[in-house]
C-alpha atoms as a PDB file:
ATOM      1  CA  MET A   1     -59.011 -33.588  14.512  1.00  0.00           C
ATOM      2  CA  VAL A   2     -56.291 -32.457  17.256  1.00  0.00           C
ATOM      3  CA  ARG A   3     -58.548 -34.457  19.900  1.00  0.00           C
ATOM      4  CA  ASN A   4     -58.527 -37.615  17.703  1.00  0.00           C
ATOM      5  CA  SER A   5     -54.791 -37.424  17.055  1.00  0.00           C
ATOM      6  CA  LYS A   6     -54.045 -36.898  20.837  1.00  0.00           C
ATOM      7  CA  SER A   7     -56.156 -39.998  21.484  1.00  0.00           C
ATOM      8  CA  ILE A   8     -54.291 -42.498  18.862  1.00  0.00           C
ATOM      9  CA  ILE A   9     -50.886 -41.001  20.448  1.00  0.00           C
ATOM     10  CA  SER A  10     -52.252 -41.858  23.831  1.00  0.00           C
ATOM     11  CA  LEU A  11     -53.426 -45.217  22.843  1.00  0.00           C
ATOM     12  CA  CYS A  12     -49.906 -46.030  21.357  1.00  0.00           C
ATOM     13  CA  ILE A  13     -48.186 -44.869  24.364  1.00  0.00           C
ATOM     14  CA  ILE A  14     -50.581 -46.908  26.385  1.00  0.00           C
ATOM     15  CA  SER A  15     -49.943 -50.180  24.154  1.00  0.00           C
ATOM     16  CA  ILE A  16     -46.413 -49.750  24.411  1.00  0.00           C
ATOM     17  CA  PHE A  17     -46.320 -49.784  27.888  1.00  0.00           C
ATOM     18  CA  ILE A  18     -48.061 -52.585  28.371  1.00  0.00           C
ATOM     19  CA  LEU A  19     -46.249 -54.608  25.642  1.00  0.00           C
ATOM     20  CA  ALA A  20     -43.090 -53.978  27.244  1.00  0.00           C
ATOM     21  CA  SER A  21     -44.332 -55.036  30.739  1.00  0.00           C
ATOM     22  CA  CYS A  22     -44.900 -58.448  29.576  1.00  0.00           C
ATOM     23  CA  GLY A  23     -41.466 -59.318  29.583  1.00  0.00           C
ATOM     24  CA  ASN A  24     -39.631 -61.853  27.266  1.00  0.00           C
ATOM     25  CA  LYS A  25     -41.260 -65.089  28.319  1.00  0.00           C
ATOM     26  CA  PHE A  26     -39.773 -66.846  25.399  1.00  0.00           C
ATOM     27  CA  GLY A  27     -35.868 -66.815  26.750  1.00  0.00           C
ATOM     28  CA  ASP A  28     -32.745 -66.999  25.005  1.00  0.00           C
ATOM     29  CA  ALA A  29     -32.940 -68.798  21.702  1.00  0.00           C
ATOM     30  CA  ARG A  30     -29.494 -69.896  21.961  1.00  0.00           C
ATOM     31  CA  LYS A  31     -30.424 -71.818  25.040  1.00  0.00           C
ATOM     32  CA  THR A  32     -33.676 -73.223  23.400  1.00  0.00           C
ATOM     33  CA  PRO A  33     -33.171 -77.026  21.890  1.00  0.00           C
ATOM     34  CA  THR A  34     -34.208 -77.185  18.447  1.00  0.00           C
ATOM     35  CA  ASN A  35     -35.196 -81.192  18.673  1.00  0.00           C
ATOM     36  CA  ALA A  36     -38.761 -80.857  19.594  1.00  0.00           C
ATOM     37  CA  LEU A  37     -38.453 -84.070  22.006  1.00  0.00           C
ATOM     38  CA  GLU A  38     -35.585 -81.949  23.778  1.00  0.00           C
ATOM     39  CA  ARG A  39     -37.811 -79.039  24.015  1.00  0.00           C
ATOM     40  CA  ALA A  40     -40.547 -81.173  25.286  1.00  0.00           C
ATOM     41  CA  ARG A  41     -38.489 -82.857  27.701  1.00  0.00           C
ATOM     42  CA  LYS A  42     -37.253 -79.512  28.979  1.00  0.00           C
ATOM     43  CA  ASN A  43     -40.575 -77.954  29.181  1.00  0.00           C
ATOM     44  CA  VAL A  44     -41.685 -80.917  31.507  1.00  0.00           C
ATOM     45  CA  GLU A  45     -38.562 -80.740  33.749  1.00  0.00           C
ATOM     46  CA  GLU A  46     -39.412 -76.995  34.313  1.00  0.00           C
ATOM     47  CA  GLY A  47     -43.093 -77.507  35.191  1.00  0.00           C
ATOM     48  CA  ARG A  48     -44.131 -75.813  31.782  1.00  0.00           C
ATOM     49  CA  GLY A  49     -47.003 -76.980  29.616  1.00  0.00           C
ATOM     50  CA  ALA A  50     -50.935 -77.042  29.273  1.00  0.00           C
ATOM     51  CA  SER A  51     -53.336 -79.459  29.681  1.00  0.00           C
ATOM     52  CA  ILE A  52     -57.003 -79.167  29.644  1.00  0.00           C
ATOM     53  CA  GLY A  53     -57.218 -79.776  33.493  1.00  0.00           C
ATOM     54  CA  GLY A  54     -54.584 -77.399  34.148  1.00  0.00           C
ATOM     55  CA  ILE A  55     -56.627 -74.852  31.861  1.00  0.00           C
ATOM     56  CA  LEU A  56     -59.911 -75.237  33.598  1.00  0.00           C
ATOM     57  CA  GLY A  57     -58.523 -75.392  37.028  1.00  0.00           C
ATOM     58  CA  ASN A  58     -58.576 -79.048  37.943  1.00  0.00           C
ATOM     59  CA  ARG A  59     -55.778 -79.755  39.408  1.00  0.00           C
ATOM     60  CA  GLY A  60     -56.074 -82.199  41.977  1.00  0.00           C
ATOM     61  CA  GLY A  61     -56.959 -85.859  41.806  1.00  0.00           C
ATOM     62  CA  THR A  62     -55.426 -86.793  38.275  1.00  0.00           C
ATOM     63  CA  ASN A  63     -54.339 -90.476  38.056  1.00  0.00           C
ATOM     64  CA  TYR A  64     -51.534 -90.477  35.667  1.00  0.00           C
ATOM     65  CA  GLU A  65     -50.114 -93.614  34.042  1.00  0.00           C
ATOM     66  CA  PHE A  66     -46.515 -93.442  32.973  1.00  0.00           C
ATOM     67  CA  SER A  67     -44.890 -95.678  30.509  1.00  0.00           C
ATOM     68  CA  SER A  68     -42.833 -97.607  33.203  1.00  0.00           C
ATOM     69  CA  SER A  69     -45.970 -98.941  34.679  1.00  0.00           C
ATOM     70  CA  ASN A  70     -47.537-100.315  31.698  1.00  0.00           C
ATOM     71  CA  PRO A  71     -46.380-103.856  30.974  1.00  0.00           C
ATOM     72  CA  MET A  72     -47.277-103.690  27.643  1.00  0.00           C
ATOM     73  CA  TRP A  73     -45.214-100.638  26.656  1.00  0.00           C
ATOM     74  CA  ARG A  74     -42.369-102.155  28.780  1.00  0.00           C
ATOM     75  CA  ALA A  75     -42.478-105.572  27.237  1.00  0.00           C
ATOM     76  CA  SER A  76     -42.166-103.846  23.752  1.00  0.00           C
ATOM     77  CA  LEU A  77     -39.486-101.784  24.413  1.00  0.00           C
ATOM     78  CA  GLU A  78     -37.560-104.808  25.931  1.00  0.00           C
ATOM     79  CA  ILE A  79     -38.339-107.137  23.159  1.00  0.00           C
ATOM     80  CA  LEU A  80     -37.406-104.837  20.488  1.00  0.00           C
ATOM     81  CA  ASP A  81     -34.142-103.450  22.393  1.00  0.00           C
ATOM     82  CA  PHE A  82     -31.817-104.439  19.438  1.00  0.00           C
ATOM     83  CA  LEU A  83     -33.503-102.653  16.970  1.00  0.00           C
ATOM     84  CA  PRO A  84     -32.786 -98.813  16.538  1.00  0.00           C
ATOM     85  CA  LEU A  85     -35.851 -96.980  17.151  1.00  0.00           C
ATOM     86  CA  ASN A  86     -37.320 -93.767  15.034  1.00  0.00           C
ATOM     87  CA  THR A  87     -40.015 -93.154  17.177  1.00  0.00           C
ATOM     88  CA  VAL A  88     -41.108 -93.781  20.347  1.00  0.00           C
ATOM     89  CA  ASP A  89     -44.472 -91.781  21.400  1.00  0.00           C
ATOM     90  CA  TYR A  90     -46.059 -93.353  24.578  1.00  0.00           C
ATOM     91  CA  SER A  91     -48.846 -90.422  24.588  1.00  0.00           C
ATOM     92  CA  GLY A  92     -49.528 -91.572  21.056  1.00  0.00           C
ATOM     93  CA  GLY A  93     -49.147 -95.547  21.693  1.00  0.00           C
ATOM     94  CA  MET A  94     -46.859 -95.885  19.052  1.00  0.00           C
ATOM     95  CA  ILE A  95     -43.133 -97.292  18.613  1.00  0.00           C
ATOM     96  CA  ILE A  96     -41.361 -97.238  15.197  1.00  0.00           C
ATOM     97  CA  SER A  97     -38.095 -98.769  14.152  1.00  0.00           C
ATOM     98  CA  ASP A  98     -35.647 -97.597  11.934  1.00  0.00           C
ATOM     99  CA  TRP A  99     -34.388 -99.909   9.214  1.00  0.00           C
ATOM    100  CA  TYR A 100     -32.664-102.763  10.437  1.00  0.00           C
ATOM    101  CA  SER A 101     -30.483-105.335   8.797  1.00  0.00           C
ATOM    102  CA  ASP A 102     -28.064-108.118  10.112  1.00  0.00           C
ATOM    103  CA  PHE A 103     -25.493-107.192   7.562  1.00  0.00           C
ATOM    104  CA  SER A 104     -25.561-110.388   6.019  1.00  0.00           C
ATOM    105  CA  ASN A 105     -27.965-109.914   3.013  1.00  0.00           C
ATOM    106  CA  ASN A 106     -29.677-107.313   1.079  1.00  0.00           C
ATOM    107  CA  GLU A 107     -32.968-107.408   3.132  1.00  0.00           C
ATOM    108  CA  SER A 108     -33.892-105.120   5.964  1.00  0.00           C
ATOM    109  CA  ILE A 109     -37.034-104.901   8.156  1.00  0.00           C
ATOM    110  CA  LYS A 110     -38.951-101.866  10.042  1.00  0.00           C
ATOM    111  CA  ILE A 111     -41.533-102.677  12.379  1.00  0.00           C
ATOM    112  CA  THR A 112     -44.079-100.558  13.634  1.00  0.00           C
ATOM    113  CA  LEU A 113     -46.387-101.274  17.037  1.00  0.00           C
ATOM    114  CA  ARG A 114     -49.620 -99.453  17.665  1.00  0.00           C
ATOM    115  CA  PHE A 115     -51.140 -99.894  21.138  1.00  0.00           C
ATOM    116  CA  LEU A 116     -54.758-100.290  20.930  1.00  0.00           C
ATOM    117  CA  SER A 117     -55.245-100.446  24.665  1.00  0.00           C
ATOM    118  CA  ASN A 118     -53.252-101.125  27.673  1.00  0.00           C
ATOM    119  CA  GLU A 119     -54.842-104.483  28.469  1.00  0.00           C
ATOM    120  CA  VAL A 120     -52.399-107.309  28.037  1.00  0.00           C
ATOM    121  CA  ARG A 121     -54.404-109.296  25.275  1.00  0.00           C
ATOM    122  CA  SER A 122     -53.009-109.944  21.738  1.00  0.00           C
ATOM    123  CA  ASP A 123     -55.971-107.438  20.346  1.00  0.00           C
ATOM    124  CA  SER A 124     -54.280-104.706  22.009  1.00  0.00           C
ATOM    125  CA  LEU A 125     -51.224-104.601  19.863  1.00  0.00           C
ATOM    126  CA  LYS A 126     -51.204-103.776  16.065  1.00  0.00           C
ATOM    127  CA  ILE A 127     -47.699-105.095  14.645  1.00  0.00           C
ATOM    128  CA  ILE A 128     -46.792-104.020  11.031  1.00  0.00           C
ATOM    129  CA  VAL A 129     -43.703-105.122   9.681  1.00  0.00           C
ATOM    130  CA  HIS A 130     -42.288-103.786   6.104  1.00  0.00           C
ATOM    131  CA  LYS A 131     -39.530-105.665   4.291  1.00  0.00           C
ATOM    132  CA  LYS A 132     -36.908-103.950   2.104  1.00  0.00           C
ATOM    133  CA  ASN A 133     -34.745-106.049  -0.543  1.00  0.00           C
ATOM    134  CA  CYS A 134     -32.338-104.015  -2.263  1.00  0.00           C
ATOM    135  CA  SER A 135     -30.401-105.131  -5.332  1.00  0.00           C
ATOM    136  CA  SER A 136     -26.577-104.671  -5.788  1.00  0.00           C
ATOM    137  CA  ASN A 137     -27.357-101.490  -7.929  1.00  0.00           C
ATOM    138  CA  GLN A 138     -29.242-100.081  -5.002  1.00  0.00           C
ATOM    139  CA  ASP A 139     -33.291-100.493  -6.662  1.00  0.00           C
ATOM    140  CA  CYS A 140     -35.014-101.500  -3.483  1.00  0.00           C
ATOM    141  CA  LYS A 141     -38.584-102.791  -3.290  1.00  0.00           C
ATOM    142  CA  ILE A 142     -40.514-102.368   0.129  1.00  0.00           C
ATOM    143  CA  THR A 143     -43.299-104.810   0.920  1.00  0.00           C
ATOM    144  CA  LEU A 144     -45.764-105.394   3.940  1.00  0.00           C
ATOM    145  CA  ILE A 145     -45.330-108.486   5.365  1.00  0.00           C
ATOM    146  CA  ASN A 146     -48.641-110.194   6.001  1.00  0.00           C
ATOM    147  CA  ASN A 147     -50.170-109.898   9.306  1.00  0.00           C
ATOM    148  CA  ASN A 148     -50.520-113.584  10.086  1.00  0.00           C
ATOM    149  CA  GLY A 149     -46.647-113.928   8.807  1.00  0.00           C
ATOM    150  CA  THR A 150     -44.211-115.705  11.303  1.00  0.00           C
ATOM    151  CA  LEU A 151     -42.336-112.951  12.384  1.00  0.00           C
ATOM    152  CA  VAL A 152     -45.389-110.789  13.199  1.00  0.00           C
ATOM    153  CA  ASN A 153     -46.985-113.890  15.095  1.00  0.00           C
ATOM    154  CA  GLU A 154     -43.377-114.389  17.031  1.00  0.00           C
ATOM    155  CA  LEU A 155     -43.385-110.903  18.139  1.00  0.00           C
ATOM    156  CA  ARG A 156     -47.112-110.748  19.336  1.00  0.00           C
ATOM    157  CA  SER A 157     -46.355-113.611  21.233  1.00  0.00           C
ATOM    158  CA  SER A 158     -43.029-112.661  22.554  1.00  0.00           C
ATOM    159  CA  ILE A 159     -44.488-109.043  23.551  1.00  0.00           C
ATOM    160  CA  ILE A 160     -47.772-110.646  25.333  1.00  0.00           C
ATOM    161  CA  ARG A 161     -45.750-113.308  27.266  1.00  0.00           C
ATOM    162  CA  LYS A 162     -43.144-110.724  28.607  1.00  0.00           C
ATOM    163  CA  ALA A 163     -46.277-108.457  29.339  1.00  0.00           C
ATOM    164  CA  ALA A 164     -47.917-110.975  31.101  1.00  0.00           C
ATOM    165  CA  LEU A 165     -44.609-111.879  33.400  1.00  0.00           C
ATOM    166  CA  LEU A 166     -44.219-107.970  34.074  1.00  0.00           C
ATOM    167  CA  GLU A 167     -47.765-107.547  34.921  1.00  0.00           C
ATOM    168  CA  LYS A 168     -47.562-110.774  37.284  1.00  0.00           C
ATOM    169  CA  ASP A 169     -44.309-109.404  38.943  1.00  0.00           C
ATOM    170  CA  LYS A 170     -46.323-105.748  39.285  1.00  0.00           C
ATOM    171  CA  ASN A 171     -49.277-107.492  41.128  1.00  0.00           C
ATOM    172  CA  ASN A 172     -46.977-109.577  43.353  1.00  0.00           C
ATOM    173  CA  ASN A 173     -44.790-106.680  44.311  1.00  0.00           C
ATOM    174  CA  LYS A 174     -48.437-104.805  45.449  1.00  0.00           C
ATOM    175  CA  LYS A 175     -49.522-107.618  47.603  1.00  0.00           C
ATOM    176  CA  LYS A 176     -45.752-107.959  49.178  1.00  0.00           C
ATOM    177  CA  LYS A 177     -46.280-103.984  50.145  1.00  0.00           C
ATOM    178  CA  LYS A 178     -49.876-104.424  51.513  1.00  0.00           C
ATOM    179  CA  ASN A 179     -48.440-107.423  53.788  1.00  0.00           C
END
């Protein structure tokens, strides 16, 4: 019985030393941003984070494509620059605006873009537009605008046209650098 209690006490003391030697890897909670996007940005700036390649030890030869090099993404942001944006997630391939109204009536719209591929094609982009009509007594009705509606088609063609121009400029710049 005495030997058993000595073993337990020894195990507890060793555990305390091991845990104490780990240090505080979480830092000061007052200096950590509460917003998830700010926290993620801070972690990227500090070089922290995990990826499958990093976990498996495959650190070299990775080809990263950043949002600034994707013409569809850049074109969408430039076309929608007048809207207040609610969610902008490059890794998830989605842009969601907040409700927007030009204050001339009780109507507002919300636009969702989903990127299905990085290619500059009309089927690489899914556009969803919701329209909200509010009466004077604050009763609001939200409806989905038809995918073949004028607004959806105009948005799609504007984004594709702008993306094609951006891609053309990018290719011209690559040719100039090679010469």
